Structure formats: C-alpha cells, structure tokens
Amino acid sequence: MSFRGGGANASSGMGVADHSRNTFLELKRKKVHRYVIFKIDEKKKEVVVEKTGGPAESYDDFIAALPENDCRYAVYDFDFVTSENCQKSKIFFIAWAPSVARIRAKMLYATSKDRFRRELDGVHYEIQATDPTEMDLEVLRDRAH
C-alpha cells in the first residue's frame, strides 16, 4: 500500500496557510509571540496555527503546550544574554515527533517539514526532538551561543 495516496498533488507535501506565515512574521518582527505551535490539518492539507504564547510565557509553558503523543512544528523566540552582556534573540524551529506518536503522523510531519521550514524566513536553528530532553532549555542555550 502506498503511503502517498491522492492525486498528483500528494507528493508535494502540505501547503502553508497564510495565517501561519503571518503569525511567524509577527513573532519575528513584532515580538508579539514567544512561541507558535503549528499542526498539519490533514483535511485541508495545510499547516495551520494551533496555539501561540505571549511574550511573558516561559519555556516551560511552551513545552507544556506540546501534545505528548502527537507531532507538531513549533517556533520559539529564545532571548539570552551573551558573555559580553548583549541581549540577543534567536528563533528556533522545533520539529516535535514524540516516539509514541502514530507512524503515519511521524511520516506526514517528516515529509512536510523541509517545505514548511523554507516558508519561515528568519529561523536561526532547527531542533528535532522525540522527547522533551532533546529540546531542553540547555540545548537551546548551547546552540544559540
């Protein structure tokens, strides 16, 4: 049985909702979101915004907002202070694919990831995580410095 199914369009992966693109730009330019969590809407065949977190929300809030047993894409605006005492910000793209997620979901998110990631102009780093320890705050800190 072929995984792809559907018409000629199936191989191109998912579309990206304008709202998803715009929400990312709000995070990047206006800093109105600390994070954005995206999910694939299988009926619409596009990546849509599931949840946003305001600037005051913490990394723990972000982690808590990810489902334990399903895949998601997310962007997180990570603020930190450099050793020279400069305030900096780096945008992380996180591909969340917990080991307990359905195989089909993992495949769907894996095959659509690069295309979606290309739509998000301004991401500095990418992290793929199958459990929360792989996207611990320390991991972000190490990558950002």
N, C-alpha and C. Protein backbone atom coordinates (compact mmCIF):
# COMPACT_ATOMS: atom_id res chain seq x y z
N MET A 1 0.84 -1.20 0.00
CA MET A 1 0.00 0.00 0.00
C MET A 1 0.88 1.25 0.00
N SER A 2 0.59 2.15 -0.89
CA SER A 2 1.38 3.38 -0.99
C SER A 2 0.97 4.34 0.11
N PHE A 3 1.94 5.00 0.71
CA PHE A 3 1.63 5.98 1.75
C PHE A 3 1.04 7.24 1.12
N ARG A 4 1.50 7.59 -0.07
CA ARG A 4 1.14 8.89 -0.63
C ARG A 4 -0.34 9.04 -0.93
N GLY A 5 -0.88 8.10 -1.65
CA GLY A 5 -2.31 8.19 -1.98
C GLY A 5 -2.65 9.50 -2.68
N GLY A 6 -3.92 9.75 -2.95
CA GLY A 6 -4.34 11.03 -3.50
C GLY A 6 -3.85 11.26 -4.91
N GLY A 7 -4.13 12.45 -5.43
CA GLY A 7 -3.80 12.76 -6.82
C GLY A 7 -2.35 13.15 -7.00
N ALA A 8 -2.08 13.83 -8.09
CA ALA A 8 -0.71 14.21 -8.45
C ALA A 8 -0.11 15.15 -7.40
N ASN A 9 -0.97 15.80 -6.68
CA ASN A 9 -0.55 16.80 -5.71
C ASN A 9 0.06 16.19 -4.45
N ALA A 10 -0.21 14.92 -4.21
CA ALA A 10 0.13 14.30 -2.92
C ALA A 10 1.63 14.37 -2.62
N SER A 11 2.47 14.26 -3.63
CA SER A 11 3.90 14.20 -3.38
C SER A 11 4.48 15.55 -2.99
N SER A 12 3.76 16.63 -3.26
CA SER A 12 4.33 17.94 -2.99
C SER A 12 4.24 18.31 -1.51
N GLY A 13 3.63 17.46 -0.71
CA GLY A 13 3.53 17.76 0.72
C GLY A 13 2.44 18.78 0.98
N MET A 14 2.53 19.41 2.13
CA MET A 14 1.46 20.28 2.60
C MET A 14 1.62 21.71 2.11
N GLY A 15 0.50 22.38 1.98
CA GLY A 15 0.53 23.82 1.77
C GLY A 15 0.74 24.49 3.12
N VAL A 16 0.91 25.78 3.08
CA VAL A 16 1.07 26.54 4.32
C VAL A 16 0.02 27.65 4.32
N ALA A 17 -0.80 27.66 5.35
CA ALA A 17 -1.84 28.68 5.44
C ALA A 17 -1.18 30.06 5.58
N ASP A 18 -1.78 31.07 4.93
CA ASP A 18 -1.24 32.44 5.04
C ASP A 18 -1.14 32.86 6.50
N HIS A 19 -2.15 32.45 7.27
CA HIS A 19 -2.17 32.79 8.69
C HIS A 19 -0.91 32.26 9.40
N SER A 20 -0.46 31.08 9.00
CA SER A 20 0.76 30.50 9.61
C SER A 20 1.97 31.36 9.30
N ARG A 21 2.07 31.76 8.03
CA ARG A 21 3.19 32.61 7.62
C ARG A 21 3.15 33.94 8.37
N ASN A 22 1.97 34.54 8.42
CA ASN A 22 1.82 35.86 9.06
C ASN A 22 2.10 35.80 10.56
N THR A 23 1.68 34.71 11.19
CA THR A 23 1.90 34.57 12.63
C THR A 23 3.39 34.45 12.92
N PHE A 24 4.09 33.73 12.05
CA PHE A 24 5.55 33.64 12.20
C PHE A 24 6.20 35.02 12.07
N LEU A 25 5.74 35.80 11.09
CA LEU A 25 6.30 37.15 10.90
C LEU A 25 6.03 38.05 12.10
N GLU A 26 4.86 37.87 12.73
CA GLU A 26 4.56 38.65 13.94
C GLU A 26 5.55 38.31 15.05
N LEU A 27 5.88 37.02 15.16
CA LEU A 27 6.86 36.59 16.17
C LEU A 27 8.23 37.20 15.84
N LYS A 28 8.60 37.13 14.58
CA LYS A 28 9.94 37.55 14.17
C LYS A 28 10.11 39.07 14.23
N ARG A 29 9.13 39.81 13.71
CA ARG A 29 9.31 41.26 13.56
C ARG A 29 8.77 42.06 14.75
N LYS A 30 7.60 41.62 15.23
CA LYS A 30 6.93 42.45 16.23
C LYS A 30 7.06 41.91 17.64
N LYS A 31 7.58 40.66 17.75
CA LYS A 31 7.78 40.06 19.07
C LYS A 31 6.47 39.98 19.87
N VAL A 32 5.36 39.75 19.17
CA VAL A 32 4.09 39.64 19.90
C VAL A 32 3.86 38.22 20.43
N HIS A 33 4.63 37.26 19.94
CA HIS A 33 4.51 35.88 20.43
C HIS A 33 5.87 35.40 20.94
N ARG A 34 5.84 34.63 22.02
CA ARG A 34 7.06 33.95 22.47
C ARG A 34 7.26 32.69 21.65
N TYR A 35 6.13 32.03 21.34
CA TYR A 35 6.20 30.81 20.53
C TYR A 35 4.93 30.65 19.71
N VAL A 36 5.05 29.85 18.67
CA VAL A 36 3.89 29.47 17.85
C VAL A 36 3.99 27.96 17.63
N ILE A 37 2.87 27.28 17.86
CA ILE A 37 2.81 25.84 17.60
C ILE A 37 1.91 25.63 16.38
N PHE A 38 2.45 24.86 15.43
CA PHE A 38 1.73 24.59 14.18
C PHE A 38 1.37 23.12 14.10
N LYS A 39 0.23 22.86 13.48
CA LYS A 39 -0.10 21.46 13.22
C LYS A 39 -0.56 21.30 11.79
N ILE A 40 -0.48 20.07 11.32
CA ILE A 40 -0.94 19.78 9.96
C ILE A 40 -2.43 19.46 10.02
N ASP A 41 -3.20 20.22 9.28
CA ASP A 41 -4.62 19.93 9.13
C ASP A 41 -4.74 18.95 7.97
N GLU A 42 -5.01 17.69 8.29
CA GLU A 42 -4.99 16.67 7.24
C GLU A 42 -6.13 16.84 6.24
N LYS A 43 -7.24 17.41 6.67
CA LYS A 43 -8.36 17.61 5.74
C LYS A 43 -8.04 18.73 4.75
N LYS A 44 -7.51 19.83 5.28
CA LYS A 44 -7.20 20.97 4.41
C LYS A 44 -5.86 20.80 3.71
N LYS A 45 -5.07 19.81 4.15
CA LYS A 45 -3.73 19.59 3.58
C LYS A 45 -2.86 20.83 3.69
N GLU A 46 -2.92 21.45 4.88
CA GLU A 46 -2.01 22.58 5.07
C GLU A 46 -1.59 22.71 6.53
N VAL A 47 -0.53 23.45 6.73
CA VAL A 47 -0.01 23.69 8.07
C VAL A 47 -0.71 24.91 8.64
N VAL A 48 -1.34 24.73 9.80
CA VAL A 48 -2.12 25.81 10.42
C VAL A 48 -1.59 26.09 11.83
N VAL A 49 -1.92 27.27 12.34
CA VAL A 49 -1.52 27.65 13.70
C VAL A 49 -2.45 26.96 14.69
N GLU A 50 -1.87 26.26 15.64
CA GLU A 50 -2.68 25.64 16.69
C GLU A 50 -2.73 26.51 17.94
N LYS A 51 -1.58 27.12 18.30
CA LYS A 51 -1.54 27.88 19.54
C LYS A 51 -0.40 28.88 19.48
N THR A 52 -0.60 30.02 20.12
CA THR A 52 0.50 30.97 20.27
C THR A 52 0.67 31.27 21.76
N GLY A 53 1.88 31.65 22.13
CA GLY A 53 2.14 32.03 23.52
C GLY A 53 2.65 33.46 23.55
N GLY A 54 2.13 34.23 24.47
CA GLY A 54 2.53 35.64 24.58
C GLY A 54 3.96 35.80 25.07
N PRO A 55 4.50 37.02 24.95
CA PRO A 55 5.90 37.29 25.31
C PRO A 55 6.23 36.92 26.76
N ALA A 56 5.24 36.96 27.63
CA ALA A 56 5.51 36.68 29.06
C ALA A 56 5.56 35.18 29.36
N GLU A 57 5.16 34.35 28.40
CA GLU A 57 5.14 32.91 28.67
C GLU A 57 6.55 32.34 28.70
N SER A 58 6.73 31.32 29.52
CA SER A 58 8.07 30.74 29.71
C SER A 58 8.28 29.55 28.78
N TYR A 59 9.51 29.06 28.80
CA TYR A 59 9.82 27.87 28.02
C TYR A 59 9.04 26.66 28.53
N ASP A 60 8.84 26.61 29.84
CA ASP A 60 8.03 25.51 30.42
C ASP A 60 6.59 25.55 29.90
N ASP A 61 6.05 26.77 29.77
CA ASP A 61 4.70 26.90 29.21
C ASP A 61 4.66 26.34 27.79
N PHE A 62 5.71 26.65 27.04
CA PHE A 62 5.80 26.18 25.66
C PHE A 62 5.83 24.65 25.60
N ILE A 63 6.71 24.05 26.40
CA ILE A 63 6.82 22.59 26.43
C ILE A 63 5.48 21.96 26.82
N ALA A 64 4.82 22.56 27.79
CA ALA A 64 3.54 22.03 28.28
C ALA A 64 2.45 22.11 27.21
N ALA A 65 2.61 23.04 26.26
CA ALA A 65 1.60 23.22 25.22
C ALA A 65 1.73 22.20 24.09
N LEU A 66 2.85 21.47 24.05
CA LEU A 66 3.03 20.45 23.01
C LEU A 66 2.35 19.15 23.43
N PRO A 67 1.66 18.50 22.50
CA PRO A 67 0.98 17.25 22.87
C PRO A 67 2.00 16.14 23.15
N GLU A 68 1.69 15.31 24.12
CA GLU A 68 2.63 14.24 24.50
C GLU A 68 2.70 13.13 23.46
N ASN A 69 1.62 12.99 22.69
CA ASN A 69 1.55 11.80 21.81
C ASN A 69 1.25 12.13 20.36
N ASP A 70 1.52 13.37 19.95
CA ASP A 70 1.29 13.72 18.55
C ASP A 70 2.38 14.69 18.10
N CYS A 71 2.63 14.71 16.79
CA CYS A 71 3.69 15.54 16.24
C CYS A 71 3.22 16.99 16.05
N ARG A 72 4.16 17.90 16.10
CA ARG A 72 3.89 19.32 15.84
C ARG A 72 5.16 19.96 15.29
N TYR A 73 4.96 21.12 14.65
CA TYR A 73 6.07 22.02 14.36
C TYR A 73 5.91 23.19 15.32
N ALA A 74 7.02 23.81 15.68
CA ALA A 74 6.91 24.99 16.53
C ALA A 74 8.07 25.93 16.25
N VAL A 75 7.85 27.20 16.52
CA VAL A 75 8.96 28.15 16.54
C VAL A 75 8.96 28.81 17.91
N TYR A 76 10.17 29.00 18.42
CA TYR A 76 10.33 29.59 19.75
C TYR A 76 11.36 30.70 19.66
N ASP A 77 10.98 31.87 20.19
CA ASP A 77 11.87 33.02 20.17
C ASP A 77 12.66 33.02 21.48
N PHE A 78 13.92 32.65 21.38
CA PHE A 78 14.77 32.45 22.56
C PHE A 78 15.61 33.68 22.83
N ASP A 79 15.35 34.34 23.97
CA ASP A 79 16.12 35.51 24.38
C ASP A 79 17.23 35.08 25.33
N PHE A 80 18.39 35.63 25.15
CA PHE A 80 19.50 35.31 26.06
C PHE A 80 20.49 36.46 26.10
N VAL A 81 21.37 36.41 27.07
CA VAL A 81 22.40 37.43 27.22
C VAL A 81 23.75 36.78 26.91
N THR A 82 24.52 37.39 26.04
CA THR A 82 25.83 36.83 25.66
C THR A 82 26.85 37.08 26.77
N SER A 83 28.01 36.45 26.63
CA SER A 83 29.07 36.65 27.62
C SER A 83 29.53 38.11 27.65
N GLU A 84 29.30 38.83 26.54
CA GLU A 84 29.65 40.26 26.51
C GLU A 84 28.49 41.12 27.03
N ASN A 85 27.50 40.44 27.59
CA ASN A 85 26.35 41.12 28.19
C ASN A 85 25.43 41.80 27.17
N CYS A 86 25.38 41.24 25.96
CA CYS A 86 24.45 41.75 24.95
C CYS A 86 23.17 40.92 24.98
N GLN A 87 22.05 41.63 24.88
CA GLN A 87 20.75 40.94 24.81
C GLN A 87 20.56 40.46 23.38
N LYS A 88 20.35 39.17 23.19
CA LYS A 88 20.16 38.62 21.85
C LYS A 88 18.92 37.76 21.80
N SER A 89 18.50 37.50 20.57
CA SER A 89 17.32 36.65 20.38
C SER A 89 17.58 35.77 19.17
N LYS A 90 17.28 34.48 19.31
CA LYS A 90 17.42 33.55 18.19
C LYS A 90 16.10 32.79 18.05
N ILE A 91 15.71 32.58 16.80
CA ILE A 91 14.47 31.85 16.55
C ILE A 91 14.79 30.39 16.25
N PHE A 92 14.19 29.51 17.03
CA PHE A 92 14.37 28.08 16.86
C PHE A 92 13.15 27.47 16.18
N PHE A 93 13.41 26.62 15.21
CA PHE A 93 12.34 25.80 14.62
C PHE A 93 12.46 24.43 15.27
N ILE A 94 11.36 23.95 15.83
CA ILE A 94 11.40 22.66 16.52
C ILE A 94 10.43 21.71 15.84
N ALA A 95 10.97 20.58 15.42
CA ALA A 95 10.14 19.51 14.86
C ALA A 95 9.93 18.50 15.98
N TRP A 96 8.71 18.48 16.49
CA TRP A 96 8.37 17.64 17.65
C TRP A 96 7.70 16.36 17.14
N ALA A 97 8.36 15.24 17.36
CA ALA A 97 7.83 13.94 16.92
C ALA A 97 8.05 12.92 18.03
N PRO A 98 7.17 12.93 19.04
CA PRO A 98 7.37 12.02 20.17
C PRO A 98 7.34 10.56 19.72
N SER A 99 8.13 9.73 20.39
CA SER A 99 8.25 8.34 19.95
C SER A 99 6.91 7.60 19.98
N VAL A 100 5.99 8.07 20.82
CA VAL A 100 4.69 7.38 20.93
C VAL A 100 3.66 7.84 19.88
N ALA A 101 4.03 8.82 19.06
CA ALA A 101 3.08 9.30 18.04
C ALA A 101 2.83 8.21 17.00
N ARG A 102 1.69 8.33 16.31
CA ARG A 102 1.37 7.36 15.25
C ARG A 102 2.43 7.42 14.15
N ILE A 103 2.73 6.27 13.58
CA ILE A 103 3.71 6.19 12.49
C ILE A 103 3.29 7.12 11.35
N ARG A 104 2.01 7.11 11.03
CA ARG A 104 1.53 7.92 9.91
C ARG A 104 1.77 9.41 10.18
N ALA A 105 1.54 9.83 11.43
CA ALA A 105 1.76 11.23 11.78
C ALA A 105 3.24 11.57 11.65
N LYS A 106 4.10 10.68 12.13
CA LYS A 106 5.55 10.93 12.03
C LYS A 106 5.97 11.06 10.57
N MET A 107 5.44 10.20 9.73
CA MET A 107 5.80 10.25 8.30
C MET A 107 5.31 11.54 7.67
N LEU A 108 4.07 11.90 8.00
CA LEU A 108 3.46 13.10 7.44
C LEU A 108 4.28 14.34 7.81
N TYR A 109 4.63 14.45 9.09
CA TYR A 109 5.39 15.61 9.55
C TYR A 109 6.81 15.60 8.98
N ALA A 110 7.39 14.41 8.88
CA ALA A 110 8.76 14.32 8.35
C ALA A 110 8.82 14.73 6.88
N THR A 111 7.83 14.28 6.10
CA THR A 111 7.87 14.57 4.66
C THR A 111 7.50 16.02 4.36
N SER A 112 6.80 16.67 5.25
CA SER A 112 6.36 18.06 5.00
C SER A 112 7.29 19.08 5.63
N LYS A 113 8.21 18.63 6.47
CA LYS A 113 9.00 19.56 7.29
C LYS A 113 9.83 20.54 6.48
N ASP A 114 10.61 20.04 5.52
CA ASP A 114 11.52 20.94 4.81
C ASP A 114 10.79 22.03 4.06
N ARG A 115 9.69 21.64 3.45
CA ARG A 115 8.92 22.63 2.70
C ARG A 115 8.37 23.71 3.64
N PHE A 116 7.85 23.28 4.78
CA PHE A 116 7.31 24.25 5.73
C PHE A 116 8.42 25.15 6.28
N ARG A 117 9.53 24.52 6.62
CA ARG A 117 10.66 25.24 7.21
C ARG A 117 11.16 26.33 6.24
N ARG A 118 11.14 26.04 4.95
CA ARG A 118 11.57 27.04 3.95
C ARG A 118 10.68 28.26 3.92
N GLU A 119 9.42 28.08 4.31
CA GLU A 119 8.48 29.21 4.31
C GLU A 119 8.79 30.19 5.45
N LEU A 120 9.50 29.72 6.45
CA LEU A 120 9.75 30.54 7.64
C LEU A 120 11.12 31.19 7.52
N ASP A 121 11.14 32.34 6.88
CA ASP A 121 12.40 33.01 6.62
C ASP A 121 12.85 33.74 7.88
N GLY A 122 13.98 33.35 8.41
CA GLY A 122 14.47 34.02 9.62
C GLY A 122 14.68 33.08 10.78
N VAL A 123 14.48 31.79 10.55
CA VAL A 123 14.80 30.81 11.59
C VAL A 123 16.31 30.64 11.66
N HIS A 124 16.86 30.64 12.87
CA HIS A 124 18.31 30.51 13.03
C HIS A 124 18.75 29.07 13.20
N TYR A 125 17.99 28.31 13.97
CA TYR A 125 18.39 26.94 14.30
C TYR A 125 17.20 26.01 14.21
N GLU A 126 17.52 24.74 13.98
CA GLU A 126 16.46 23.73 13.92
C GLU A 126 16.80 22.62 14.91
N ILE A 127 15.79 22.18 15.62
CA ILE A 127 15.96 21.07 16.56
C ILE A 127 14.89 20.02 16.25
N GLN A 128 15.30 18.77 16.19
CA GLN A 128 14.33 17.69 16.05
C GLN A 128 14.31 16.95 17.37
N ALA A 129 13.14 16.80 17.93
CA ALA A 129 13.03 16.17 19.25
C ALA A 129 11.99 15.06 19.26
N THR A 130 12.35 13.97 19.91
CA THR A 130 11.39 12.86 20.08
C THR A 130 10.96 12.75 21.54
N ASP A 131 11.66 13.44 22.41
CA ASP A 131 11.19 13.56 23.80
C ASP A 131 11.71 14.88 24.37
N PRO A 132 11.10 15.38 25.45
CA PRO A 132 11.41 16.73 25.93
C PRO A 132 12.89 16.96 26.26
N THR A 133 13.63 15.94 26.64
CA THR A 133 15.04 16.15 26.99
C THR A 133 15.84 16.61 25.78
N GLU A 134 15.39 16.26 24.57
CA GLU A 134 16.12 16.65 23.37
C GLU A 134 15.90 18.11 22.98
N MET A 135 14.98 18.76 23.67
CA MET A 135 14.76 20.19 23.41
C MET A 135 14.74 20.96 24.72
N ASP A 136 15.50 20.45 25.66
CA ASP A 136 15.68 21.12 26.94
C ASP A 136 16.21 22.54 26.71
N LEU A 137 15.92 23.42 27.65
CA LEU A 137 16.39 24.81 27.53
C LEU A 137 17.91 24.87 27.38
N GLU A 138 18.61 23.95 28.03
CA GLU A 138 20.07 23.90 27.91
C GLU A 138 20.51 23.64 26.46
N VAL A 139 19.74 22.81 25.76
CA VAL A 139 20.04 22.50 24.36
C VAL A 139 19.97 23.79 23.53
N LEU A 140 18.91 24.56 23.76
CA LEU A 140 18.76 25.84 23.03
C LEU A 140 19.92 26.77 23.38
N ARG A 141 20.24 26.82 24.66
CA ARG A 141 21.30 27.72 25.13
C ARG A 141 22.63 27.37 24.45
N ASP A 142 22.93 26.07 24.41
CA ASP A 142 24.18 25.63 23.79
C ASP A 142 24.23 26.00 22.31
N ARG A 143 23.10 25.81 21.63
CA ARG A 143 23.06 26.08 20.19
C ARG A 143 23.17 27.60 19.92
N ALA A 144 22.54 28.39 20.77
CA ALA A 144 22.42 29.83 20.49
C ALA A 144 23.73 30.58 20.72
N HIS A 145 24.59 30.06 21.56
CA HIS A 145 25.82 30.79 21.89
C HIS A 145 26.91 30.58 20.87
